[in-house]
C-alpha atoms as a PDB file:
ATOM      1  CA  MET A   1      43.194  42.966  98.287  1.00  0.00           C
ATOM      2  CA  SER A   2      45.786  45.158  99.926  1.00  0.00           C
ATOM      3  CA  ILE A   3      48.665  43.646 101.881  1.00  0.00           C
ATOM      4  CA  GLU A   4      47.470  45.510 104.997  1.00  0.00           C
ATOM      5  CA  THR A   5      44.024  43.925 104.795  1.00  0.00           C
ATOM      6  CA  TRP A   6      45.558  40.521 104.008  1.00  0.00           C
ATOM      7  CA  LYS A   7      47.807  40.684 107.093  1.00  0.00           C
ATOM      8  CA  LYS A   8      44.741  41.052 109.320  1.00  0.00           C
ATOM      9  CA  LEU A   9      43.389  37.655 108.259  1.00  0.00           C
ATOM     10  CA  SER A  10      44.358  34.505 110.131  1.00  0.00           C
ATOM     11  CA  LEU A  11      46.499  31.967 108.294  1.00  0.00           C
ATOM     12  CA  ALA A  12      43.439  29.715 107.943  1.00  0.00           C
ATOM     13  CA  GLU A  13      41.470  32.583 106.396  1.00  0.00           C
ATOM     14  CA  GLN A  14      44.320  33.365 104.024  1.00  0.00           C
ATOM     15  CA  LEU A  15      44.663  29.751 102.905  1.00  0.00           C
ATOM     16  CA  GLY A  16      40.896  29.436 102.562  1.00  0.00           C
ATOM     17  CA  ASN A  17      40.899  32.453 100.251  1.00  0.00           C
ATOM     18  CA  ILE A  18      43.852  31.086  98.300  1.00  0.00           C
ATOM     19  CA  GLY A  19      41.938  27.829  97.963  1.00  0.00           C
ATOM     20  CA  SER A  20      38.910  29.658  96.625  1.00  0.00           C
ATOM     21  CA  GLU A  21      41.007  31.371  93.972  1.00  0.00           C
ATOM     22  CA  PHE A  22      42.783  28.092  93.196  1.00  0.00           C
ATOM     23  CA  HIS A  23      39.425  26.391  92.688  1.00  0.00           C
ATOM     24  CA  ARG A  24      38.313  29.237  90.417  1.00  0.00           C
ATOM     25  CA  TRP A  25      41.494  28.789  88.380  1.00  0.00           C
ATOM     26  CA  GLN A  26      40.912  25.048  88.091  1.00  0.00           C
ATOM     27  CA  ASN A  27      37.362  25.617  86.848  1.00  0.00           C
ATOM     28  CA  THR A  28      38.166  28.395  84.378  1.00  0.00           C
ATOM     29  CA  LYS A  29      41.850  27.829  83.514  1.00  0.00           C
ATOM     30  CA  SER A  30      42.005  31.628  83.524  1.00  0.00           C
ATOM     31  CA  GLU A  31      45.469  33.175  83.575  1.00  0.00           C
ATOM     32  CA  LYS A  32      44.085  35.937  85.796  1.00  0.00           C
ATOM     33  CA  SER A  33      42.904  33.426  88.418  1.00  0.00           C
ATOM     34  CA  PHE A  34      46.243  31.617  88.309  1.00  0.00           C
ATOM     35  CA  GLU A  35      48.123  34.882  88.829  1.00  0.00           C
ATOM     36  CA  GLU A  36      45.788  35.861  91.675  1.00  0.00           C
ATOM     37  CA  THR A  37      46.307  32.481  93.331  1.00  0.00           C
ATOM     38  CA  LEU A  38      50.064  33.046  93.290  1.00  0.00           C
ATOM     39  CA  ASN A  39      49.698  36.686  94.347  1.00  0.00           C
ATOM     40  CA  LEU A  40      47.671  35.749  97.434  1.00  0.00           C
ATOM     41  CA  LEU A  41      50.080  32.953  98.267  1.00  0.00           C
ATOM     42  CA  ASP A  42      53.058  35.286  97.867  1.00  0.00           C
ATOM     43  CA  MET A  43      51.473  37.796 100.269  1.00  0.00           C
ATOM     44  CA  THR A  44      51.016  34.977 102.785  1.00  0.00           C
ATOM     45  CA  ILE A  45      54.607  33.824 102.348  1.00  0.00           C
ATOM     46  CA  LYS A  46      55.913  37.358 102.919  1.00  0.00           C
ATOM     47  CA  ASN A  47      54.117  37.515 106.279  1.00  0.00           C
ATOM     48  CA  GLN A  48      55.445  34.246 107.706  1.00  0.00           C
ATOM     49  CA  SER A  49      58.339  34.124 110.098  1.00  0.00           C
ATOM     50  CA  LYS A  50      57.942  30.547 111.327  1.00  0.00           C
ATOM     51  CA  SER A  51      60.275  28.363 109.297  1.00  0.00           C
ATOM     52  CA  GLY A  52      57.932  25.348 109.327  1.00  0.00           C
ATOM     53  CA  THR A  53      55.035  27.347 107.964  1.00  0.00           C
ATOM     54  CA  LEU A  54      57.263  29.134 105.480  1.00  0.00           C
ATOM     55  CA  ALA A  55      58.624  25.842 104.163  1.00  0.00           C
ATOM     56  CA  GLU A  56      55.126  24.425 103.684  1.00  0.00           C
ATOM     57  CA  LEU A  57      53.903  27.560 101.926  1.00  0.00           C
ATOM     58  CA  THR A  58      56.835  27.717  99.541  1.00  0.00           C
ATOM     59  CA  ARG A  59      56.381  24.023  98.733  1.00  0.00           C
ATOM     60  CA  LEU A  60      52.688  24.703  98.129  1.00  0.00           C
ATOM     61  CA  ARG A  61      53.697  27.360  95.613  1.00  0.00           C
ATOM     62  CA  GLU A  62      55.956  24.846  93.871  1.00  0.00           C
ATOM     63  CA  VAL A  63      53.123  22.306  93.737  1.00  0.00           C
ATOM     64  CA  ILE A  64      50.708  24.821  92.239  1.00  0.00           C
ATOM     65  CA  CYS A  65      53.253  25.815  89.611  1.00  0.00           C
ATOM     66  CA  ASP A  66      53.893  22.119  88.936  1.00  0.00           C
ATOM     67  CA  LEU A  67      50.181  21.686  88.219  1.00  0.00           C
ATOM     68  CA  ALA A  68      50.205  24.725  85.944  1.00  0.00           C
ATOM     69  CA  THR A  69      53.112  23.439  83.876  1.00  0.00           C
ATOM     70  CA  GLY A  70      51.824  19.875  83.787  1.00  0.00           C
ATOM     71  CA  SER A  71      55.201  18.415  84.753  1.00  0.00           C
ATOM     72  CA  LYS A  72      53.631  16.197  87.466  1.00  0.00           C
ATOM     73  CA  PHE A  73      56.864  16.161  89.450  1.00  0.00           C
ATOM     74  CA  TYR A  74      54.928  16.176  92.734  1.00  0.00           C
ATOM     75  CA  GLN A  75      52.189  13.862  91.468  1.00  0.00           C
ATOM     76  CA  ILE A  76      49.527  16.015  93.125  1.00  0.00           C
ATOM     77  CA  THR A  77      46.136  16.536  91.525  1.00  0.00           C
ATOM     78  CA  SER A  78      43.939  19.593  91.680  1.00  0.00           C
ATOM     79  CA  SER A  79      41.492  17.475  93.683  1.00  0.00           C
ATOM     80  CA  ASN A  80      44.229  16.806  96.263  1.00  0.00           C
ATOM     81  CA  LEU A  81      44.807  20.535  96.629  1.00  0.00           C
ATOM     82  CA  ASP A  82      41.099  21.313  96.794  1.00  0.00           C
ATOM     83  CA  ASN A  83      40.878  18.936  99.759  1.00  0.00           C
ATOM     84  CA  TYR A  84      43.954  20.541 101.345  1.00  0.00           C
ATOM     85  CA  PHE A  85      42.444  24.018 101.069  1.00  0.00           C
ATOM     86  CA  LEU A  86      38.993  22.878 102.205  1.00  0.00           C
ATOM     87  CA  GLY A  87      40.295  22.132 105.689  1.00  0.00           C
ATOM     88  CA  PHE A  88      41.516  25.704 106.052  1.00  0.00           C
ATOM     89  CA  ALA A  89      38.272  27.146 104.724  1.00  0.00           C
ATOM     90  CA  LEU A  90      36.300  25.129 107.278  1.00  0.00           C
ATOM     91  CA  LEU A  91      38.661  26.138 110.072  1.00  0.00           C
ATOM     92  CA  ALA A  92      38.356  29.803 109.128  1.00  0.00           C
ATOM     93  CA  ARG A  93      34.557  29.634 109.368  1.00  0.00           C
ATOM     94  CA  LYS A  94      34.617  28.542 113.033  1.00  0.00           C
END
């Protein structure tokens, strides 16, 4: 997806899409899905100017990378993140 198209989506839509790709990565353990998850998240981060949102998004990136490396520093499971993303997906559908 192009950055121009991505910018037109609401934050809830963006996070819902990131969640979908994250879920795909969790099911397949595909490197491509992991990279796409981070790519979509990075595009979202680049478009944020609100410091509160930016801080949460950058922490989310850290948590996802923590899951990928298996370090368990944040003690977050993929199920926790699926639930986090689900709320945004539902909000985007309204």
